[in-house]
């Protein structure tokens, strides 16, 4: 950061500035009426902007919840100050609030409808595929399938326990290796992204699948994009 400040500013502008401005606009401009309260959002926004972890820059994930909370606290304070403005100065604020409300409702409905249509089909395929796995079996699964396996006694976030991951457990390499020997089933979806542990790009399932084949895992069930693998051999 110190050696390349201009490059840093460029990266922040490209990766984070647009999303932060969208969050600010979502308050309808009311947060701008309480500028000192905007400082509540600064730590989270700055931390995400300077992070080398790519997903911290996206609104798709939870990392900007602190930013959003600070902005809407500022918006609440700003709403109380709206009456102190002249009518002419109030007009652009009302216009921004109206635009923000229309966009929020329109985009919210489109996202809700898309997810509502897709979830039942996904859930049915997932449950059908998971019927192949005995309840007492040890399982490793990608993140989107973890909730469907939360009643299991022993569940790991793939690629663990076979490979250590950045967002995985605090188990040592030796502990992971010991537990990997007892995992009987692996479940993943083609669209899932694996956390990077230095073994492959985050989006690459190929490395893990090759390792599983060497360990004796064979695909025994596939429903849609859900794959169920069972260890049928000792492997090496």
C-alpha atoms as a PDB file:
ATOM      1  CA  UNK A   1       0.000   0.000   0.000  1.00  0.00           C
ATOM      2  CA  UNK A   2       2.815   2.414   0.879  1.00  0.00           C
ATOM      3  CA  UNK A   3       4.894   1.589  -2.181  1.00  0.00           C
ATOM      4  CA  UNK A   4       2.036   1.808  -4.697  1.00  0.00           C
ATOM      5  CA  UNK A   5      -0.528   4.326  -3.364  1.00  0.00           C
ATOM      6  CA  UNK A   6      -1.937   5.236  -6.796  1.00  0.00           C
ATOM      7  CA  UNK A   7      -2.428   1.584  -7.675  1.00  0.00           C
ATOM      8  CA  UNK A   8      -4.125   1.106  -4.311  1.00  0.00           C
ATOM      9  CA  UNK A   9      -6.553   3.963  -4.964  1.00  0.00           C
ATOM     10  CA  UNK A  10      -7.302   2.556  -8.411  1.00  0.00           C
ATOM     11  CA  UNK A  11      -8.024  -0.889  -7.010  1.00  0.00           C
ATOM     12  CA  UNK A  12     -10.302   0.533  -4.323  1.00  0.00           C
ATOM     13  CA  UNK A  13     -12.184   2.656  -6.863  1.00  0.00           C
ATOM     14  CA  UNK A  14     -12.725  -0.272  -9.238  1.00  0.00           C
ATOM     15  CA  UNK A  15     -13.505  -2.956  -6.666  1.00  0.00           C
ATOM     16  CA  UNK A  16     -15.434  -1.143  -3.920  1.00  0.00           C
ATOM     17  CA  UNK A  17     -16.413   2.430  -4.723  1.00  0.00           C
ATOM     18  CA  UNK A  18     -19.404   1.551  -6.899  1.00  0.00           C
ATOM     19  CA  UNK A  19     -20.955  -0.770  -4.331  1.00  0.00           C
ATOM     20  CA  UNK A  20     -20.438   1.690  -1.471  1.00  0.00           C
ATOM     21  CA  UNK A  21     -22.099   4.440  -3.541  1.00  0.00           C
ATOM     22  CA  UNK A  22     -25.035   2.119  -4.193  1.00  0.00           C
ATOM     23  CA  UNK A  23     -25.388   1.577  -0.456  1.00  0.00           C
ATOM     24  CA  UNK A  24     -25.296   5.324   0.097  1.00  0.00           C
ATOM     25  CA  UNK A  25     -27.932   5.894  -2.592  1.00  0.00           C
ATOM     26  CA  UNK A  26     -30.118   3.236  -0.970  1.00  0.00           C
ATOM     27  CA  UNK A  27     -30.641   5.682   1.930  1.00  0.00           C
ATOM     28  CA  UNK A  28     -32.281   8.085  -0.493  1.00  0.00           C
ATOM     29  CA  UNK A  29     -29.712  10.756   0.304  1.00  0.00           C
ATOM     30  CA  UNK A  30     -30.933  11.092   3.890  1.00  0.00           C
ATOM     31  CA  UNK A  31     -27.586   9.880   5.251  1.00  0.00           C
ATOM     32  CA  UNK A  32     -25.892  12.882   3.624  1.00  0.00           C
ATOM     33  CA  UNK A  33     -27.878  15.171   5.938  1.00  0.00           C
ATOM     34  CA  UNK A  34     -25.963  13.705   8.894  1.00  0.00           C
ATOM     35  CA  UNK A  35     -22.375  13.605   7.586  1.00  0.00           C
ATOM     36  CA  UNK A  36     -20.717  13.056  10.970  1.00  0.00           C
ATOM     37  CA  UNK A  37     -22.841   9.946  11.527  1.00  0.00           C
ATOM     38  CA  UNK A  38     -21.484   8.513   8.279  1.00  0.00           C
ATOM     39  CA  UNK A  39     -18.301   7.812  10.247  1.00  0.00           C
ATOM     40  CA  UNK A  40     -20.102   4.778  11.705  1.00  0.00           C
ATOM     41  CA  UNK A  41     -19.777   3.130   8.299  1.00  0.00           C
ATOM     42  CA  UNK A  42     -16.160   4.069   7.755  1.00  0.00           C
ATOM     43  CA  UNK A  43     -14.369   1.187   9.599  1.00  0.00           C
ATOM     44  CA  UNK A  44     -16.262  -1.574   7.784  1.00  0.00           C
ATOM     45  CA  UNK A  45     -16.176   0.165   4.412  1.00  0.00           C
ATOM     46  CA  UNK A  46     -12.439   0.844   4.733  1.00  0.00           C
ATOM     47  CA  UNK A  47     -11.660  -2.670   5.918  1.00  0.00           C
ATOM     48  CA  UNK A  48     -13.527  -4.195   2.960  1.00  0.00           C
ATOM     49  CA  UNK A  49     -12.036  -1.751   0.457  1.00  0.00           C
ATOM     50  CA  UNK A  50      -8.464  -2.511   1.535  1.00  0.00           C
ATOM     51  CA  UNK A  51      -8.929  -6.259   1.773  1.00  0.00           C
ATOM     52  CA  UNK A  52      -7.205  -8.587  -0.680  1.00  0.00           C
ATOM     53  CA  UNK A  53     -10.053 -11.081  -0.188  1.00  0.00           C
ATOM     54  CA  UNK A  54     -12.191 -10.484  -3.279  1.00  0.00           C
ATOM     55  CA  UNK A  55     -15.642 -11.320  -1.907  1.00  0.00           C
ATOM     56  CA  UNK A  56     -15.350  -8.563   0.719  1.00  0.00           C
ATOM     57  CA  UNK A  57     -15.899  -6.044  -2.063  1.00  0.00           C
ATOM     58  CA  UNK A  58     -19.212  -7.507  -3.252  1.00  0.00           C
ATOM     59  CA  UNK A  59     -22.710  -6.753  -2.005  1.00  0.00           C
ATOM     60  CA  UNK A  60     -23.686 -10.381  -2.619  1.00  0.00           C
ATOM     61  CA  UNK A  61     -22.062 -11.379   0.668  1.00  0.00           C
ATOM     62  CA  UNK A  62     -22.493 -10.204   4.259  1.00  0.00           C
ATOM     63  CA  UNK A  63     -19.311  -8.165   4.599  1.00  0.00           C
ATOM     64  CA  UNK A  64     -21.000  -4.773   4.104  1.00  0.00           C
ATOM     65  CA  UNK A  65     -23.676  -5.259   6.768  1.00  0.00           C
ATOM     66  CA  UNK A  66     -21.704  -3.011   9.121  1.00  0.00           C
ATOM     67  CA  UNK A  67     -21.440  -0.397   6.391  1.00  0.00           C
ATOM     68  CA  UNK A  68     -25.157  -0.586   5.693  1.00  0.00           C
ATOM     69  CA  UNK A  69     -26.079  -0.350   9.376  1.00  0.00           C
ATOM     70  CA  UNK A  70     -24.002   2.808   9.817  1.00  0.00           C
ATOM     71  CA  UNK A  71     -25.530   4.375   6.707  1.00  0.00           C
ATOM     72  CA  UNK A  72     -29.077   3.791   7.860  1.00  0.00           C
ATOM     73  CA  UNK A  73     -28.355   5.135  11.337  1.00  0.00           C
ATOM     74  CA  UNK A  74     -27.099   8.266   9.565  1.00  0.00           C
ATOM     75  CA  UNK A  75     -30.239   8.216   7.392  1.00  0.00           C
ATOM     76  CA  UNK A  76     -32.458   8.076  10.485  1.00  0.00           C
ATOM     77  CA  UNK A  77     -30.669  11.097  11.947  1.00  0.00           C
ATOM     78  CA  UNK A  78     -30.842  12.826   8.579  1.00  0.00           C
ATOM     79  CA  UNK A  79     -34.600  12.275   8.332  1.00  0.00           C
ATOM     80  CA  UNK A  80     -35.015  14.250  11.539  1.00  0.00           C
ATOM     81  CA  UNK A  81     -33.067  17.134  10.012  1.00  0.00           C
ATOM     82  CA  UNK A  82     -35.087  17.227   6.805  1.00  0.00           C
ATOM     83  CA  UNK A  83     -37.611  19.727   8.160  1.00  0.00           C
ATOM     84  CA  UNK A  84     -34.878  22.253   8.853  1.00  0.00           C
ATOM     85  CA  UNK A  85     -34.157  22.554   5.117  1.00  0.00           C
ATOM     86  CA  UNK A  86     -35.916  25.009   2.867  1.00  0.00           C
ATOM     87  CA  UNK A  87     -38.565  23.566   0.582  1.00  0.00           C
ATOM     88  CA  UNK A  88     -36.304  24.005  -2.433  1.00  0.00           C
ATOM     89  CA  UNK A  89     -33.560  21.939  -0.768  1.00  0.00           C
ATOM     90  CA  UNK A  90     -36.047  19.314   0.339  1.00  0.00           C
ATOM     91  CA  UNK A  91     -37.130  18.549  -3.236  1.00  0.00           C
ATOM     92  CA  UNK A  92     -33.964  16.692  -4.368  1.00  0.00           C
ATOM     93  CA  UNK A  93     -34.004  14.650  -1.158  1.00  0.00           C
ATOM     94  CA  UNK A  94     -37.628  13.618  -1.731  1.00  0.00           C
ATOM     95  CA  UNK A  95     -36.733  12.742  -5.320  1.00  0.00           C
ATOM     96  CA  UNK A  96     -33.816  10.550  -4.192  1.00  0.00           C
ATOM     97  CA  UNK A  97     -35.962   8.822  -1.568  1.00  0.00           C
ATOM     98  CA  UNK A  98     -38.633   8.091  -4.193  1.00  0.00           C
ATOM     99  CA  UNK A  99     -36.071   6.674  -6.629  1.00  0.00           C
ATOM    100  CA  UNK A 100     -34.487   4.569  -3.872  1.00  0.00           C
ATOM    101  CA  UNK A 101     -37.885   3.175  -2.851  1.00  0.00           C
ATOM    102  CA  UNK A 102     -38.887   2.318  -6.431  1.00  0.00           C
ATOM    103  CA  UNK A 103     -35.552   0.621  -7.134  1.00  0.00           C
ATOM    104  CA  UNK A 104     -35.634  -1.271  -3.834  1.00  0.00           C
ATOM    105  CA  UNK A 105     -39.149  -2.610  -4.427  1.00  0.00           C
ATOM    106  CA  UNK A 106     -38.564  -3.413  -8.093  1.00  0.00           C
ATOM    107  CA  UNK A 107     -35.195  -5.123  -7.653  1.00  0.00           C
ATOM    108  CA  UNK A 108     -36.349  -6.800  -4.435  1.00  0.00           C
ATOM    109  CA  UNK A 109     -39.383  -8.335  -6.123  1.00  0.00           C
ATOM    110  CA  UNK A 110     -37.371  -9.562  -9.113  1.00  0.00           C
ATOM    111  CA  UNK A 111     -34.745 -11.206  -6.883  1.00  0.00           C
ATOM    112  CA  UNK A 112     -37.398 -12.701  -4.602  1.00  0.00           C
ATOM    113  CA  UNK A 113     -39.372 -14.133  -7.521  1.00  0.00           C
ATOM    114  CA  UNK A 114     -36.260 -15.617  -9.148  1.00  0.00           C
ATOM    115  CA  UNK A 115     -35.134 -17.269  -5.921  1.00  0.00           C
ATOM    116  CA  UNK A 116     -38.646 -18.464  -5.080  1.00  0.00           C
ATOM    117  CA  UNK A 117     -38.932 -20.187  -8.456  1.00  0.00           C
ATOM    118  CA  UNK A 118     -35.539 -21.882  -8.224  1.00  0.00           C
ATOM    119  CA  UNK A 119     -35.376 -22.982  -4.573  1.00  0.00           C
ATOM    120  CA  UNK A 120     -38.119 -25.672  -4.646  1.00  0.00           C
ATOM    121  CA  UNK A 121     -36.471 -27.404  -7.627  1.00  0.00           C
ATOM    122  CA  UNK A 122     -33.032 -27.204  -6.033  1.00  0.00           C
ATOM    123  CA  UNK A 123     -34.296 -28.429  -2.666  1.00  0.00           C
ATOM    124  CA  UNK A 124     -36.076 -31.398  -4.230  1.00  0.00           C
ATOM    125  CA  UNK A 125     -32.974 -32.433  -6.176  1.00  0.00           C
ATOM    126  CA  UNK A 126     -30.747 -32.055  -3.137  1.00  0.00           C
ATOM    127  CA  UNK A 127     -33.006 -34.064  -0.830  1.00  0.00           C
ATOM    128  CA  UNK A 128     -33.386 -36.809  -3.436  1.00  0.00           C
ATOM    129  CA  UNK A 129     -29.622 -37.089  -3.839  1.00  0.00           C
ATOM    130  CA  UNK A 130     -28.976 -37.085  -0.096  1.00  0.00           C
ATOM    131  CA  UNK A 131     -31.340 -40.013   0.460  1.00  0.00           C
ATOM    132  CA  UNK A 132     -28.431 -42.183  -0.691  1.00  0.00           C
ATOM    133  CA  UNK A 133     -26.368 -41.202   2.367  1.00  0.00           C
ATOM    134  CA  UNK A 134     -27.016 -43.125   5.625  1.00  0.00           C
ATOM    135  CA  UNK A 135     -27.718 -40.845   8.588  1.00  0.00           C
ATOM    136  CA  UNK A 136     -24.784 -42.139  10.603  1.00  0.00           C
ATOM    137  CA  UNK A 137     -22.237 -41.712   7.799  1.00  0.00           C
ATOM    138  CA  UNK A 138     -19.463 -39.115   7.924  1.00  0.00           C
ATOM    139  CA  UNK A 139     -19.869 -36.577   5.087  1.00  0.00           C
ATOM    140  CA  UNK A 140     -17.861 -33.806   3.419  1.00  0.00           C
ATOM    141  CA  UNK A 141     -19.981 -31.322   1.442  1.00  0.00           C
ATOM    142  CA  UNK A 142     -19.757 -28.000  -0.352  1.00  0.00           C
ATOM    143  CA  UNK A 143     -21.156 -24.938   1.409  1.00  0.00           C
ATOM    144  CA  UNK A 144     -24.616 -24.827  -0.219  1.00  0.00           C
ATOM    145  CA  UNK A 145     -25.363 -28.376   0.941  1.00  0.00           C
ATOM    146  CA  UNK A 146     -24.262 -27.972   4.554  1.00  0.00           C
ATOM    147  CA  UNK A 147     -27.689 -26.882   5.808  1.00  0.00           C
ATOM    148  CA  UNK A 148     -29.234 -30.065   4.385  1.00  0.00           C
ATOM    149  CA  UNK A 149     -26.728 -32.122   6.373  1.00  0.00           C
ATOM    150  CA  UNK A 150     -26.769 -30.164   9.635  1.00  0.00           C
ATOM    151  CA  UNK A 151     -28.413 -33.050  11.537  1.00  0.00           C
ATOM    152  CA  UNK A 152     -25.447 -35.323  10.798  1.00  0.00           C
ATOM    153  CA  UNK A 153     -22.995 -36.119  13.569  1.00  0.00           C
ATOM    154  CA  UNK A 154     -19.871 -35.534  11.470  1.00  0.00           C
ATOM    155  CA  UNK A 155     -19.930 -33.075   8.560  1.00  0.00           C
ATOM    156  CA  UNK A 156     -16.981 -31.250   6.969  1.00  0.00           C
ATOM    157  CA  UNK A 157     -16.864 -28.277   4.626  1.00  0.00           C
ATOM    158  CA  UNK A 158     -15.258 -29.542   1.415  1.00  0.00           C
ATOM    159  CA  UNK A 159     -12.318 -29.570   0.627  1.00  0.00           C
ATOM    160  CA  UNK A 160     -11.740 -30.330   4.321  1.00  0.00           C
ATOM    161  CA  UNK A 161     -10.844 -32.738   5.824  1.00  0.00           C
ATOM    162  CA  UNK A 162      -8.927 -33.842   2.690  1.00  0.00           C
ATOM    163  CA  UNK A 163      -7.273 -30.437   2.209  1.00  0.00           C
ATOM    164  CA  UNK A 164      -6.998 -27.482   4.547  1.00  0.00           C
ATOM    165  CA  UNK A 165      -9.046 -24.424   3.545  1.00  0.00           C
ATOM    166  CA  UNK A 166      -8.747 -20.760   4.454  1.00  0.00           C
ATOM    167  CA  UNK A 167     -12.215 -20.625   5.985  1.00  0.00           C
ATOM    168  CA  UNK A 168     -12.183 -24.117   7.436  1.00  0.00           C
ATOM    169  CA  UNK A 169     -11.716 -25.474  10.944  1.00  0.00           C
ATOM    170  CA  UNK A 170      -8.809 -24.993  13.336  1.00  0.00           C
ATOM    171  CA  UNK A 171      -7.790 -28.648  13.041  1.00  0.00           C
ATOM    172  CA  UNK A 172      -4.137 -29.377  12.373  1.00  0.00           C
ATOM    173  CA  UNK A 173      -2.955 -31.145   9.230  1.00  0.00           C
ATOM    174  CA  UNK A 174      -2.482 -34.366  11.190  1.00  0.00           C
ATOM    175  CA  UNK A 175      -5.973 -34.137  12.700  1.00  0.00           C
ATOM    176  CA  UNK A 176      -7.495 -33.485   9.278  1.00  0.00           C
ATOM    177  CA  UNK A 177      -5.663 -36.477   7.785  1.00  0.00           C
ATOM    178  CA  UNK A 178      -6.916 -38.732  10.582  1.00  0.00           C
ATOM    179  CA  UNK A 179     -10.519 -37.633  10.110  1.00  0.00           C
ATOM    180  CA  UNK A 180     -10.319 -37.843   6.325  1.00  0.00           C
ATOM    181  CA  UNK A 181      -9.757 -41.586   6.622  1.00  0.00           C
ATOM    182  CA  UNK A 182     -13.230 -41.990   8.135  1.00  0.00           C
ATOM    183  CA  UNK A 183     -15.195 -39.883   5.650  1.00  0.00           C
ATOM    184  CA  UNK A 184     -17.434 -42.193   3.652  1.00  0.00           C
ATOM    185  CA  UNK A 185     -19.423 -39.778   1.478  1.00  0.00           C
ATOM    186  CA  UNK A 186     -18.716 -36.549  -0.392  1.00  0.00           C
ATOM    187  CA  UNK A 187     -21.431 -34.307  -1.836  1.00  0.00           C
ATOM    188  CA  UNK A 188     -20.956 -31.298  -4.088  1.00  0.00           C
ATOM    189  CA  UNK A 189     -22.742 -29.170  -6.661  1.00  0.00           C
ATOM    190  CA  UNK A 190     -21.144 -28.117  -9.933  1.00  0.00           C
ATOM    191  CA  UNK A 191     -22.008 -24.461  -9.272  1.00  0.00           C
ATOM    192  CA  UNK A 192     -20.388 -24.325  -5.824  1.00  0.00           C
ATOM    193  CA  UNK A 193     -17.104 -22.504  -5.255  1.00  0.00           C
ATOM    194  CA  UNK A 194     -14.451 -23.990  -3.007  1.00  0.00           C
ATOM    195  CA  UNK A 195     -12.358 -21.864  -0.665  1.00  0.00           C
ATOM    196  CA  UNK A 196      -8.754 -21.585  -1.731  1.00  0.00           C
ATOM    197  CA  UNK A 197      -6.197 -23.282   0.462  1.00  0.00           C
ATOM    198  CA  UNK A 198      -3.262 -22.767  -1.878  1.00  0.00           C
ATOM    199  CA  UNK A 199      -3.979 -25.966  -3.821  1.00  0.00           C
ATOM    200  CA  UNK A 200      -6.093 -24.493  -6.627  1.00  0.00           C
ATOM    201  CA  UNK A 201      -8.096 -21.421  -7.672  1.00  0.00           C
ATOM    202  CA  UNK A 202     -11.260 -21.030  -5.562  1.00  0.00           C
ATOM    203  CA  UNK A 203     -13.518 -21.925  -8.494  1.00  0.00           C
ATOM    204  CA  UNK A 204     -11.652 -25.128  -9.372  1.00  0.00           C
ATOM    205  CA  UNK A 205     -13.245 -28.402  -8.237  1.00  0.00           C
ATOM    206  CA  UNK A 206     -10.925 -30.406 -10.466  1.00  0.00           C
ATOM    207  CA  UNK A 207      -8.068 -30.712  -7.972  1.00  0.00           C
ATOM    208  CA  UNK A 208     -10.348 -32.011  -5.237  1.00  0.00           C
ATOM    209  CA  UNK A 209     -12.148 -34.445  -7.550  1.00  0.00           C
ATOM    210  CA  UNK A 210      -8.854 -35.934  -8.721  1.00  0.00           C
ATOM    211  CA  UNK A 211      -7.773 -36.364  -5.118  1.00  0.00           C
ATOM    212  CA  UNK A 212     -11.058 -38.050  -4.224  1.00  0.00           C
ATOM    213  CA  UNK A 213     -10.689 -40.501  -7.104  1.00  0.00           C
ATOM    214  CA  UNK A 214      -7.235 -41.441  -5.831  1.00  0.00           C
ATOM    215  CA  UNK A 215      -8.731 -42.028  -2.387  1.00  0.00           C
ATOM    216  CA  UNK A 216     -11.270 -44.490  -3.806  1.00  0.00           C
ATOM    217  CA  UNK A 217     -14.371 -42.274  -4.070  1.00  0.00           C
ATOM    218  CA  UNK A 218     -16.810 -43.161  -6.846  1.00  0.00           C
ATOM    219  CA  UNK A 219     -19.935 -41.274  -7.930  1.00  0.00           C
ATOM    220  CA  UNK A 220     -22.951 -43.315  -6.843  1.00  0.00           C
ATOM    221  CA  UNK A 221     -25.749 -40.779  -7.312  1.00  0.00           C
ATOM    222  CA  UNK A 222     -26.400 -37.680  -9.380  1.00  0.00           C
ATOM    223  CA  UNK A 223     -29.563 -35.593  -9.360  1.00  0.00           C
ATOM    224  CA  UNK A 224     -29.357 -32.417 -11.436  1.00  0.00           C
ATOM    225  CA  UNK A 225     -26.070 -30.744 -10.498  1.00  0.00           C
ATOM    226  CA  UNK A 226     -25.822 -32.579  -7.159  1.00  0.00           C
ATOM    227  CA  UNK A 227     -23.157 -35.304  -7.074  1.00  0.00           C
ATOM    228  CA  UNK A 228     -22.890 -37.963  -4.358  1.00  0.00           C
ATOM    229  CA  UNK A 229     -19.581 -39.834  -4.056  1.00  0.00           C
ATOM    230  CA  UNK A 230     -18.978 -42.860  -1.847  1.00  0.00           C
ATOM    231  CA  UNK A 231     -15.650 -44.343  -0.792  1.00  0.00           C
ATOM    232  CA  UNK A 232     -15.737 -47.853  -2.293  1.00  0.00           C
ATOM    233  CA  UNK A 233     -12.009 -48.550  -2.212  1.00  0.00           C
ATOM    234  CA  UNK A 234      -9.042 -47.793  -0.006  1.00  0.00           C
ATOM    235  CA  UNK A 235      -7.266 -45.678  -2.617  1.00  0.00           C
ATOM    236  CA  UNK A 236      -3.834 -44.254  -2.039  1.00  0.00           C
END
